[in-house]
Amino acid sequence: YVAGTYIYSNQIIARDIPGKGIKAEVPAVEEHGILKVHPFVPKQL
């Protein structure tokens, strides 16, 4: 983690934090892949 045991060092949110309205992103990365869900990956990649 990089902060609060919920943000991984690679900036992906690892768990839900109800008190902050934060949702885990790991399920989306595992289902679709980091290339597809990352907004700054070039379209050709």
ModelCIF file with pLDDT and N, C-alpha, C, O atoms, coordinates in Angstrom:
data_MODEL
#
_entry.id   MODEL 
#
_entity.id                         1 
_entity.type                       polymer 
_entity.pdbx_number_of_molecules   1 
#
_entity_poly.entity_id                      1 
_entity_poly.type                           'polypeptide(L)' 
_entity_poly.nstd_linkage                   no 
_entity_poly.nstd_monomer                   no 
_entity_poly.pdbx_seq_one_letter_code       YVAGTYIYSNQIIARDIPGKGIKAEVPAVEEHGILKVHPFVPKQL 
_entity_poly.pdbx_seq_one_letter_code_can   YVAGTYIYSNQIIARDIPGKGIKAEVPAVEEHGILKVHPFVPKQL 
_entity_poly.pdbx_strand_id                 A 
#
loop_
_entity_poly_seq.entity_id 
_entity_poly_seq.num 
_entity_poly_seq.mon_id 
_entity_poly_seq.hetero 
1 1  TYR n 
1 2  VAL n 
1 3  ALA n 
1 4  GLY n 
1 5  THR n 
1 6  TYR n 
1 7  ILE n 
1 8  TYR n 
1 9  SER n 
1 10 ASN n 
1 11 GLN n 
1 12 ILE n 
1 13 ILE n 
1 14 ALA n 
1 15 ARG n 
1 16 ASP n 
1 17 ILE n 
1 18 PRO n 
1 19 GLY n 
1 20 LYS n 
1 21 GLY n 
1 22 ILE n 
1 23 LYS n 
1 24 ALA n 
1 25 GLU n 
1 26 VAL n 
1 27 PRO n 
1 28 ALA n 
1 29 VAL n 
1 30 GLU n 
1 31 GLU n 
1 32 HIS n 
1 33 GLY n 
1 34 ILE n 
1 35 LEU n 
1 36 LYS n 
1 37 VAL n 
1 38 HIS n 
1 39 PRO n 
1 40 PHE n 
1 41 VAL n 
1 42 PRO n 
1 43 LYS n 
1 44 GLN n 
1 45 LEU n 
#
_struct_asym.id          A 
_struct_asym.entity_id   1 
#
loop_
_ma_qa_metric.id 
_ma_qa_metric.mode 
_ma_qa_metric.name 
_ma_qa_metric.software_group_id 
_ma_qa_metric.type 
1 global pLDDT . pLDDT 
2 local  pLDDT . pLDDT 
#
_ma_qa_metric_global.metric_id      1 
_ma_qa_metric_global.metric_value   91.56 
_ma_qa_metric_global.model_id       1 
_ma_qa_metric_global.ordinal_id     1 
#
loop_
_ma_qa_metric_local.label_asym_id 
_ma_qa_metric_local.label_comp_id 
_ma_qa_metric_local.label_seq_id 
_ma_qa_metric_local.metric_id 
_ma_qa_metric_local.metric_value 
_ma_qa_metric_local.model_id 
_ma_qa_metric_local.ordinal_id 
A TYR 1  2 89.00 1 1  
A VAL 2  2 87.00 1 2  
A ALA 3  2 87.00 1 3  
A GLY 4  2 86.00 1 4  
A THR 5  2 87.00 1 5  
A TYR 6  2 91.00 1 6  
A ILE 7  2 92.00 1 7  
A TYR 8  2 92.00 1 8  
A SER 9  2 88.00 1 9  
A ASN 10 2 90.00 1 10 
A GLN 11 2 91.00 1 11 
A ILE 12 2 93.00 1 12 
A ILE 13 2 93.00 1 13 
A ALA 14 2 92.00 1 14 
A ARG 15 2 92.00 1 15 
A ASP 16 2 93.00 1 16 
A ILE 17 2 93.00 1 17 
A PRO 18 2 94.00 1 18 
A GLY 19 2 92.00 1 19 
A LYS 20 2 91.00 1 20 
A GLY 21 2 91.00 1 21 
A ILE 22 2 92.00 1 22 
A LYS 23 2 92.00 1 23 
A ALA 24 2 93.00 1 24 
A GLU 25 2 93.00 1 25 
A VAL 26 2 94.00 1 26 
A PRO 27 2 93.00 1 27 
A ALA 28 2 92.00 1 28 
A VAL 29 2 94.00 1 29 
A GLU 30 2 93.00 1 30 
A GLU 31 2 92.00 1 31 
A HIS 32 2 92.00 1 32 
A GLY 33 2 93.00 1 33 
A ILE 34 2 94.00 1 34 
A LEU 35 2 94.00 1 35 
A LYS 36 2 92.00 1 36 
A VAL 37 2 92.00 1 37 
A HIS 38 2 92.00 1 38 
A PRO 39 2 90.00 1 39 
A PHE 40 2 91.00 1 40 
A VAL 41 2 92.00 1 41 
A PRO 42 2 91.00 1 42 
A LYS 43 2 90.00 1 43 
A GLN 44 2 92.00 1 44 
A LEU 45 2 93.00 1 45 
#
loop_
_atom_site.group_PDB 
_atom_site.id 
_atom_site.type_symbol 
_atom_site.label_atom_id 
_atom_site.label_alt_id 
_atom_site.label_comp_id 
_atom_site.label_asym_id 
_atom_site.label_entity_id 
_atom_site.label_seq_id 
_atom_site.pdbx_PDB_ins_code 
_atom_site.Cartn_x 
_atom_site.Cartn_y 
_atom_site.Cartn_z 
_atom_site.occupancy 
_atom_site.B_iso_or_equiv 
_atom_site.pdbx_formal_charge 
_atom_site.auth_seq_id 
_atom_site.auth_comp_id 
_atom_site.auth_asym_id 
_atom_site.auth_atom_id 
_atom_site.pdbx_PDB_model_num 
ATOM 1   N N  . TYR A 1 1  ? 0.828   -1.205 0.000   1.00 89.00 ? 1  TYR A N  1 
ATOM 2   C CA . TYR A 1 1  ? 0.000   0.000  0.000   1.00 89.00 ? 1  TYR A CA 1 
ATOM 3   C C  . TYR A 1 1  ? 0.863   1.255  0.000   1.00 89.00 ? 1  TYR A C  1 
ATOM 4   O O  . TYR A 1 1  ? 2.036   1.227  0.372   1.00 89.00 ? 1  TYR A O  1 
ATOM 5   N N  . VAL A 1 2  ? 0.259   2.343  -0.421  1.00 87.00 ? 2  VAL A N  1 
ATOM 6   C CA . VAL A 1 2  ? 0.933   3.629  -0.346  1.00 87.00 ? 2  VAL A CA 1 
ATOM 7   C C  . VAL A 1 2  ? 0.257   4.536  0.673   1.00 87.00 ? 2  VAL A C  1 
ATOM 8   O O  . VAL A 1 2  ? 0.849   5.515  1.126   1.00 87.00 ? 2  VAL A O  1 
ATOM 9   N N  . ALA A 1 3  ? -0.976  4.213  1.032   1.00 87.00 ? 3  ALA A N  1 
ATOM 10  C CA . ALA A 1 3  ? -1.686  5.001  2.054   1.00 87.00 ? 3  ALA A CA 1 
ATOM 11  C C  . ALA A 1 3  ? -2.890  4.221  2.551   1.00 87.00 ? 3  ALA A C  1 
ATOM 12  O O  . ALA A 1 3  ? -3.630  3.616  1.776   1.00 87.00 ? 3  ALA A O  1 
ATOM 13  N N  . GLY A 1 4  ? -3.066  4.254  3.872   1.00 86.00 ? 4  GLY A N  1 
ATOM 14  C CA . GLY A 1 4  ? -4.307  3.797  4.485   1.00 86.00 ? 4  GLY A CA 1 
ATOM 15  C C  . GLY A 1 4  ? -4.682  2.349  4.296   1.00 86.00 ? 4  GLY A C  1 
ATOM 16  O O  . GLY A 1 4  ? -5.833  1.986  4.542   1.00 86.00 ? 4  GLY A O  1 
ATOM 17  N N  . THR A 1 5  ? -3.770  1.511  3.873   1.00 87.00 ? 5  THR A N  1 
ATOM 18  C CA . THR A 1 5  ? -4.033  0.100  3.537   1.00 87.00 ? 5  THR A CA 1 
ATOM 19  C C  . THR A 1 5  ? -5.229  -0.065 2.601   1.00 87.00 ? 5  THR A C  1 
ATOM 20  O O  . THR A 1 5  ? -5.956  -1.056 2.667   1.00 87.00 ? 5  THR A O  1 
ATOM 21  N N  . TYR A 1 6  ? -5.418  0.931  1.725   1.00 91.00 ? 6  TYR A N  1 
ATOM 22  C CA . TYR A 1 6  ? -6.470  0.744  0.718   1.00 91.00 ? 6  TYR A CA 1 
ATOM 23  C C  . TYR A 1 6  ? -6.040  1.189  -0.674  1.00 91.00 ? 6  TYR A C  1 
ATOM 24  O O  . TYR A 1 6  ? -6.680  0.815  -1.657  1.00 91.00 ? 6  TYR A O  1 
ATOM 25  N N  . ILE A 1 7  ? -4.977  1.973  -0.783  1.00 92.00 ? 7  ILE A N  1 
ATOM 26  C CA . ILE A 1 7  ? -4.463  2.345  -2.101  1.00 92.00 ? 7  ILE A CA 1 
ATOM 27  C C  . ILE A 1 7  ? -3.164  1.590  -2.334  1.00 92.00 ? 7  ILE A C  1 
ATOM 28  O O  . ILE A 1 7  ? -2.180  1.792  -1.621  1.00 92.00 ? 7  ILE A O  1 
ATOM 29  N N  . TYR A 1 8  ? -3.168  0.723  -3.331  1.00 92.00 ? 8  TYR A N  1 
ATOM 30  C CA . TYR A 1 8  ? -1.942  0.016  -3.670  1.00 92.00 ? 8  TYR A CA 1 
ATOM 31  C C  . TYR A 1 8  ? -0.890  1.000  -4.190  1.00 92.00 ? 8  TYR A C  1 
ATOM 32  O O  . TYR A 1 8  ? -1.215  2.101  -4.633  1.00 92.00 ? 8  TYR A O  1 
ATOM 33  N N  . SER A 1 9  ? 0.344   0.590  -4.129  1.00 88.00 ? 9  SER A N  1 
ATOM 34  C CA . SER A 1 9  ? 1.428   1.446  -4.612  1.00 88.00 ? 9  SER A CA 1 
ATOM 35  C C  . SER A 1 9  ? 1.281   1.787  -6.084  1.00 88.00 ? 9  SER A C  1 
ATOM 36  O O  . SER A 1 9  ? 1.763   2.824  -6.540  1.00 88.00 ? 9  SER A O  1 
ATOM 37  N N  . ASN A 1 10 ? 0.614   0.914  -6.826  1.00 90.00 ? 10 ASN A N  1 
ATOM 38  C CA . ASN A 1 10 ? 0.398   1.198  -8.255  1.00 90.00 ? 10 ASN A CA 1 
ATOM 39  C C  . ASN A 1 10 ? -0.850  2.042  -8.494  1.00 90.00 ? 10 ASN A C  1 
ATOM 40  O O  . ASN A 1 10 ? -1.320  2.159  -9.626  1.00 90.00 ? 10 ASN A O  1 
ATOM 41  N N  . GLN A 1 11 ? -1.387  2.633  -7.418  1.00 91.00 ? 11 GLN A N  1 
ATOM 42  C CA . GLN A 1 11 ? -2.489  3.595  -7.465  1.00 91.00 ? 11 GLN A CA 1 
ATOM 43  C C  . GLN A 1 11 ? -3.878  2.965  -7.612  1.00 91.00 ? 11 GLN A C  1 
ATOM 44  O O  . GLN A 1 11 ? -4.872  3.689  -7.668  1.00 91.00 ? 11 GLN A O  1 
ATOM 45  N N  . ILE A 1 12 ? -3.963  1.658  -7.675  1.00 93.00 ? 12 ILE A N  1 
ATOM 46  C CA . ILE A 1 12 ? -5.261  0.988  -7.749  1.00 93.00 ? 12 ILE A CA 1 
ATOM 47  C C  . ILE A 1 12 ? -5.861  0.890  -6.346  1.00 93.00 ? 12 ILE A C  1 
ATOM 48  O O  . ILE A 1 12 ? -5.158  0.561  -5.391  1.00 93.00 ? 12 ILE A O  1 
ATOM 49  N N  . ILE A 1 13 ? -7.158  1.175  -6.222  1.00 93.00 ? 13 ILE A N  1 
ATOM 50  C CA . ILE A 1 13 ? -7.826  1.092  -4.922  1.00 93.00 ? 13 ILE A CA 1 
ATOM 51  C C  . ILE A 1 13 ? -8.185  -0.360 -4.639  1.00 93.00 ? 13 ILE A C  1 
ATOM 52  O O  . ILE A 1 13 ? -8.867  -1.014 -5.428  1.00 93.00 ? 13 ILE A O  1 
ATOM 53  N N  . ALA A 1 14 ? -7.706  -0.854 -3.489  1.00 92.00 ? 14 ALA A N  1 
ATOM 54  C CA . ALA A 1 14 ? -7.783  -2.290 -3.204  1.00 92.00 ? 14 ALA A CA 1 
ATOM 55  C C  . ALA A 1 14 ? -9.066  -2.703 -2.486  1.00 92.00 ? 14 ALA A C  1 
ATOM 56  O O  . ALA A 1 14 ? -9.442  -3.874 -2.536  1.00 92.00 ? 14 ALA A O  1 
ATOM 57  N N  . ARG A 1 15 ? -9.749  -1.763 -1.817  1.00 92.00 ? 15 ARG A N  1 
ATOM 58  C CA . ARG A 1 15 ? -10.907 -2.159 -1.014  1.00 92.00 ? 15 ARG A CA 1 
ATOM 59  C C  . ARG A 1 15 ? -11.908 -1.026 -0.940  1.00 92.00 ? 15 ARG A C  1 
ATOM 60  O O  . ARG A 1 15 ? -11.582 0.127  -1.222  1.00 92.00 ? 15 ARG A O  1 
ATOM 61  N N  . ASP A 1 16 ? -13.133 -1.366 -0.557  1.00 93.00 ? 16 ASP A N  1 
ATOM 62  C CA . ASP A 1 16 ? -14.163 -0.352 -0.334  1.00 93.00 ? 16 ASP A CA 1 
ATOM 63  C C  . ASP A 1 16 ? -13.881 0.398  0.971   1.00 93.00 ? 16 ASP A C  1 
ATOM 64  O O  . ASP A 1 16 ? -13.463 -0.197 1.964   1.00 93.00 ? 16 ASP A O  1 
ATOM 65  N N  . ILE A 1 17 ? -14.115 1.711  0.951   1.00 93.00 ? 17 ILE A N  1 
ATOM 66  C CA . ILE A 1 17 ? -14.042 2.528  2.165   1.00 93.00 ? 17 ILE A CA 1 
ATOM 67  C C  . ILE A 1 17 ? -15.379 3.248  2.285   1.00 93.00 ? 17 ILE A C  1 
ATOM 68  O O  . ILE A 1 17 ? -15.523 4.363  1.784   1.00 93.00 ? 17 ILE A O  1 
ATOM 69  N N  . PRO A 1 18 ? -16.370 2.623  2.948   1.00 94.00 ? 18 PRO A N  1 
ATOM 70  C CA . PRO A 1 18 ? -17.715 3.222  3.030   1.00 94.00 ? 18 PRO A CA 1 
ATOM 71  C C  . PRO A 1 18 ? -17.704 4.632  3.620   1.00 94.00 ? 18 PRO A C  1 
ATOM 72  O O  . PRO A 1 18 ? -18.482 5.488  3.198   1.00 94.00 ? 18 PRO A O  1 
ATOM 73  N N  . GLY A 1 19 ? -16.837 4.874  4.584   1.00 92.00 ? 19 GLY A N  1 
ATOM 74  C CA . GLY A 1 19 ? -16.805 6.182  5.238   1.00 92.00 ? 19 GLY A CA 1 
ATOM 75  C C  . GLY A 1 19 ? -16.394 7.307  4.314   1.00 92.00 ? 19 GLY A C  1 
ATOM 76  O O  . GLY A 1 19 ? -16.664 8.473  4.602   1.00 92.00 ? 19 GLY A O  1 
ATOM 77  N N  . LYS A 1 20 ? -15.740 6.979  3.199   1.00 91.00 ? 20 LYS A N  1 
ATOM 78  C CA . LYS A 1 20 ? -15.322 7.981  2.227   1.00 91.00 ? 20 LYS A CA 1 
ATOM 79  C C  . LYS A 1 20 ? -16.036 7.817  0.882   1.00 91.00 ? 20 LYS A C  1 
ATOM 80  O O  . LYS A 1 20 ? -15.757 8.551  -0.065  1.00 91.00 ? 20 LYS A O  1 
ATOM 81  N N  . GLY A 1 21 ? -16.949 6.862  0.804   1.00 91.00 ? 21 GLY A N  1 
ATOM 82  C CA . GLY A 1 21 ? -17.644 6.626  -0.460  1.00 91.00 ? 21 GLY A CA 1 
ATOM 83  C C  . GLY A 1 21 ? -16.712 6.109  -1.553  1.00 91.00 ? 21 GLY A C  1 
ATOM 84  O O  . GLY A 1 21 ? -16.937 6.370  -2.735  1.00 91.00 ? 21 GLY A O  1 
ATOM 85  N N  . ILE A 1 22 ? -15.682 5.387  -1.168  1.00 92.00 ? 22 ILE A N  1 
ATOM 86  C CA . ILE A 1 22 ? -14.680 4.890  -2.115  1.00 92.00 ? 22 ILE A CA 1 
ATOM 87  C C  . ILE A 1 22 ? -14.970 3.436  -2.452  1.00 92.00 ? 22 ILE A C  1 
ATOM 88  O O  . ILE A 1 22 ? -15.258 2.629  -1.567  1.00 92.00 ? 22 ILE A O  1 
ATOM 89  N N  . LYS A 1 23 ? -14.894 3.109  -3.731  1.00 92.00 ? 23 LYS A N  1 
ATOM 90  C CA . LYS A 1 23 ? -15.152 1.752  -4.193  1.00 92.00 ? 23 LYS A CA 1 
ATOM 91  C C  . LYS A 1 23 ? -13.856 1.097  -4.668  1.00 92.00 ? 23 LYS A C  1 
ATOM 92  O O  . LYS A 1 23 ? -12.997 1.746  -5.267  1.00 92.00 ? 23 LYS A O  1 
ATOM 93  N N  . ALA A 1 24 ? -13.733 -0.192 -4.391  1.00 93.00 ? 24 ALA A N  1 
ATOM 94  C CA . ALA A 1 24 ? -12.570 -0.944 -4.844  1.00 93.00 ? 24 ALA A CA 1 
ATOM 95  C C  . ALA A 1 24 ? -12.527 -0.999 -6.369  1.00 93.00 ? 24 ALA A C  1 
ATOM 96  O O  . ALA A 1 24 ? -13.565 -1.100 -7.023  1.00 93.00 ? 24 ALA A O  1 
ATOM 97  N N  . GLU A 1 25 ? -11.322 -0.931 -6.929  1.00 93.00 ? 25 GLU A N  1 
ATOM 98  C CA . GLU A 1 25 ? -11.137 -0.972 -8.382  1.00 93.00 ? 25 GLU A CA 1 
ATOM 99  C C  . GLU A 1 25 ? -10.509 -2.276 -8.851  1.00 93.00 ? 25 GLU A C  1 
ATOM 100 O O  . GLU A 1 25 ? -10.458 -2.552 -10.050 1.00 93.00 ? 25 GLU A O  1 
ATOM 101 N N  . VAL A 1 26 ? -10.033 -3.076 -7.907  1.00 94.00 ? 26 VAL A N  1 
ATOM 102 C CA . VAL A 1 26 ? -9.393  -4.337 -8.272  1.00 94.00 ? 26 VAL A CA 1 
ATOM 103 C C  . VAL A 1 26 ? -10.326 -5.237 -9.082  1.00 94.00 ? 26 VAL A C  1 
ATOM 104 O O  . VAL A 1 26 ? -9.877  -5.820 -10.068 1.00 94.00 ? 26 VAL A O  1 
ATOM 105 N N  . PRO A 1 27 ? -11.618 -5.379 -8.712  1.00 93.00 ? 27 PRO A N  1 
ATOM 106 C CA . PRO A 1 27 ? -12.498 -6.241 -9.520  1.00 93.00 ? 27 PRO A CA 1 
ATOM 107 C C  . PRO A 1 27 ? -12.563 -5.831 -10.991 1.00 93.00 ? 27 PRO A C  1 
ATOM 108 O O  . PRO A 1 27 ? -12.572 -6.689 -11.873 1.00 93.00 ? 27 PRO A O  1 
ATOM 109 N N  . ALA A 1 28 ? -12.609 -4.515 -11.261 1.00 92.00 ? 28 ALA A N  1 
ATOM 110 C CA . ALA A 1 28 ? -12.666 -4.052 -12.656 1.00 92.00 ? 28 ALA A CA 1 
ATOM 111 C C  . ALA A 1 28 ? -11.370 -4.359 -13.382 1.00 92.00 ? 28 ALA A C  1 
ATOM 112 O O  . ALA A 1 28 ? -11.388 -4.739 -14.553 1.00 92.00 ? 28 ALA A O  1 
ATOM 113 N N  . VAL A 1 29 ? -10.230 -4.196 -12.688 1.00 94.00 ? 29 VAL A N  1 
ATOM 114 C CA . VAL A 1 29 ? -8.933  -4.502 -13.303 1.00 94.00 ? 29 VAL A CA 1 
ATOM 115 C C  . VAL A 1 29 ? -8.824  -5.993 -13.588 1.00 94.00 ? 29 VAL A C  1 
ATOM 116 O O  . VAL A 1 29 ? -8.334  -6.396 -14.643 1.00 94.00 ? 29 VAL A O  1 
ATOM 117 N N  . GLU A 1 30 ? -9.283  -6.811 -12.642 1.00 93.00 ? 30 GLU A N  1 
ATOM 118 C CA . GLU A 1 30 ? -9.184  -8.266 -12.828 1.00 93.00 ? 30 GLU A CA 1 
ATOM 119 C C  . GLU A 1 30 ? -10.089 -8.750 -13.957 1.00 93.00 ? 30 GLU A C  1 
ATOM 120 O O  . GLU A 1 30 ? -9.743  -9.683 -14.683 1.00 93.00 ? 30 GLU A O  1 
ATOM 121 N N  . GLU A 1 31 ? -11.249 -8.112 -14.101 1.00 92.00 ? 31 GLU A N  1 
ATOM 122 C CA . GLU A 1 31 ? -12.194 -8.550 -15.141 1.00 92.00 ? 31 GLU A CA 1 
ATOM 123 C C  . GLU A 1 31 ? -11.796 -8.074 -16.530 1.00 92.00 ? 31 GLU A C  1 
ATOM 124 O O  . GLU A 1 31 ? -11.844 -8.844 -17.490 1.00 92.00 ? 31 GLU A O  1 
ATOM 125 N N  . HIS A 1 32 ? -11.405 -6.815 -16.643 1.00 92.00 ? 32 HIS A N  1 
ATOM 126 C CA . HIS A 1 32 ? -11.179 -6.220 -17.963 1.00 92.00 ? 32 HIS A CA 1 
ATOM 127 C C  . HIS A 1 32 ? -9.709  -6.005 -18.300 1.00 92.00 ? 32 HIS A C  1 
ATOM 128 O O  . HIS A 1 32 ? -9.357  -5.872 -19.472 1.00 92.00 ? 32 HIS A O  1 
ATOM 129 N N  . GLY A 1 33 ? -8.846  -5.969 -17.286 1.00 93.00 ? 33 GLY A N  1 
ATOM 130 C CA . GLY A 1 33 ? -7.431  -5.710 -17.521 1.00 93.00 ? 33 GLY A CA 1 
ATOM 131 C C  . GLY A 1 33 ? -7.087  -4.254 -17.299 1.00 93.00 ? 33 GLY A C  1 
ATOM 132 O O  . GLY A 1 33 ? -7.915  -3.367 -17.506 1.00 93.00 ? 33 GLY A O  1 
ATOM 133 N N  . ILE A 1 34 ? -5.873  -4.017 -16.880 1.00 94.00 ? 34 ILE A N  1 
ATOM 134 C CA . ILE A 1 34 ? -5.465  -2.651 -16.556 1.00 94.00 ? 34 ILE A CA 1 
ATOM 135 C C  . ILE A 1 34 ? -5.365  -1.778 -17.790 1.00 94.00 ? 34 ILE A C  1 
ATOM 136 O O  . ILE A 1 34 ? -5.563  -0.566 -17.703 1.00 94.00 ? 34 ILE A O  1 
ATOM 137 N N  . LEU A 1 35 ? -5.060  -2.368 -18.943 1.00 94.00 ? 35 LEU A N  1 
ATOM 138 C CA . LEU A 1 35 ? -4.943  -1.574 -20.173 1.00 94.00 ? 35 LEU A CA 1 
ATOM 139 C C  . LEU A 1 35 ? -6.284  -0.984 -20.587 1.00 94.00 ? 35 LEU A C  1 
ATOM 140 O O  . LEU A 1 35 ? -6.354  0.156  -21.046 1.00 94.00 ? 35 LEU A O  1 
ATOM 141 N N  . LYS A 1 36 ? -7.331  -1.754 -20.424 1.00 92.00 ? 36 LYS A N  1 
ATOM 142 C CA . LYS A 1 36 ? -8.643  -1.296 -20.874 1.00 92.00 ? 36 LYS A CA 1 
ATOM 143 C C  . LYS A 1 36 ? -9.278  -0.294 -19.920 1.00 92.00 ? 36 LYS A C  1 
ATOM 144 O O  . LYS A 1 36 ? -10.004 0.597  -20.359 1.00 92.00 ? 36 LYS A O  1 
ATOM 145 N N  . VAL A 1 37 ? -9.015  -0.427 -18.613 1.00 92.00 ? 37 VAL A N  1 
ATOM 146 C CA . VAL A 1 37 ? -9.690  0.464  -17.664 1.00 92.00 ? 37 VAL A CA 1 
ATOM 147 C C  . VAL A 1 37 ? -8.876  1.705  -17.330 1.00 92.00 ? 37 VAL A C  1 
ATOM 148 O O  . VAL A 1 37 ? -9.397  2.646  -16.732 1.00 92.00 ? 37 VAL A O  1 
ATOM 149 N N  . HIS A 1 38 ? -7.619  1.717  -17.707 1.00 92.00 ? 38 HIS A N  1 
ATOM 150 C CA . HIS A 1 38 ? -6.791  2.893  -17.419 1.00 92.00 ? 38 HIS A CA 1 
ATOM 151 C C  . HIS A 1 38 ? -7.080  3.970  -18.463 1.00 92.00 ? 38 HIS A C  1 
ATOM 152 O O  . HIS A 1 38 ? -6.937  3.715  -19.659 1.00 92.00 ? 38 HIS A O  1 
ATOM 153 N N  . PRO A 1 39 ? -7.484  5.167  -18.036 1.00 90.00 ? 39 PRO A N  1 
ATOM 154 C CA . PRO A 1 39 ? -7.927  6.185  -18.993 1.00 90.00 ? 39 PRO A CA 1 
ATOM 155 C C  . PRO A 1 39 ? -6.810  6.785  -19.839 1.00 90.00 ? 39 PRO A C  1 
ATOM 156 O O  . PRO A 1 39 ? -7.097  7.427  -20.849 1.00 90.00 ? 39 PRO A O  1 
ATOM 157 N N  . PHE A 1 40 ? -5.546  6.600  -19.462 1.00 91.00 ? 40 PHE A N  1 
ATOM 158 C CA . PHE A 1 40 ? -4.458  7.249  -20.198 1.00 91.00 ? 40 PHE A CA 1 
ATOM 159 C C  . PHE A 1 40 ? -3.633  6.279  -21.048 1.00 91.00 ? 40 PHE A C  1 
ATOM 160 O O  . PHE A 1 40 ? -2.561  6.637  -21.535 1.00 91.00 ? 40 PHE A O  1 
ATOM 161 N N  . VAL A 1 41 ? -4.128  5.068  -21.222 1.00 92.00 ? 41 VAL A N  1 
ATOM 162 C CA . VAL A 1 41 ? -3.468  4.128  -22.124 1.00 92.00 ? 41 VAL A CA 1 
ATOM 163 C C  . VAL A 1 41 ? -3.859  4.470  -23.566 1.00 92.00 ? 41 VAL A C  1 
ATOM 164 O O  . VAL A 1 41 ? -5.048  4.615  -23.849 1.00 92.00 ? 41 VAL A O  1 
ATOM 165 N N  . PRO A 1 42 ? -2.895  4.603  -24.488 1.00 91.00 ? 42 PRO A N  1 
ATOM 166 C CA . PRO A 1 42 ? -3.225  4.909  -25.891 1.00 91.00 ? 42 PRO A CA 1 
ATOM 167 C C  . PRO A 1 42 ? -4.169  3.858  -26.479 1.00 91.00 ? 42 PRO A C  1 
ATOM 168 O O  . PRO A 1 42 ? -4.082  2.677  -26.143 1.00 91.00 ? 42 PRO A O  1 
ATOM 169 N N  . LYS A 1 43 ? -5.066  4.298  -27.354 1.00 90.00 ? 43 LYS A N  1 
ATOM 170 C CA . LYS A 1 43 ? -6.081  3.396  -27.909 1.00 90.00 ? 43 LYS A CA 1 
ATOM 171 C C  . LYS A 1 43 ? -5.469  2.195  -28.607 1.00 90.00 ? 43 LYS A C  1 
ATOM 172 O O  . LYS A 1 43 ? -6.007  1.090  -28.538 1.00 90.00 ? 43 LYS A O  1 
ATOM 173 N N  . GLN A 1 44 ? -4.328  2.411  -29.290 1.00 92.00 ? 44 GLN A N  1 
ATOM 174 C CA . GLN A 1 44 ? -3.727  1.310  -30.038 1.00 92.00 ? 44 GLN A CA 1 
ATOM 175 C C  . GLN A 1 44 ? -3.111  0.245  -29.130 1.00 92.00 ? 44 GLN A C  1 
ATOM 176 O O  . GLN A 1 44 ? -2.740  -0.834 -29.593 1.00 92.00 ? 44 GLN A O  1 
ATOM 177 N N  . LEU A 1 45 ? -3.002  0.559  -27.812 1.00 93.00 ? 45 LEU A N  1 
ATOM 178 C CA . LEU A 1 45 ? -2.445  -0.418 -26.870 1.00 93.00 ? 45 LEU A CA 1 
ATOM 179 C C  . LEU A 1 45 ? -3.500  -0.970 -25.920 1.00 93.00 ? 45 LEU A C  1 
ATOM 180 O O  . LEU A 1 45 ? -3.189  -1.802 -25.069 1.00 93.00 ? 45 LEU A O  1 
#
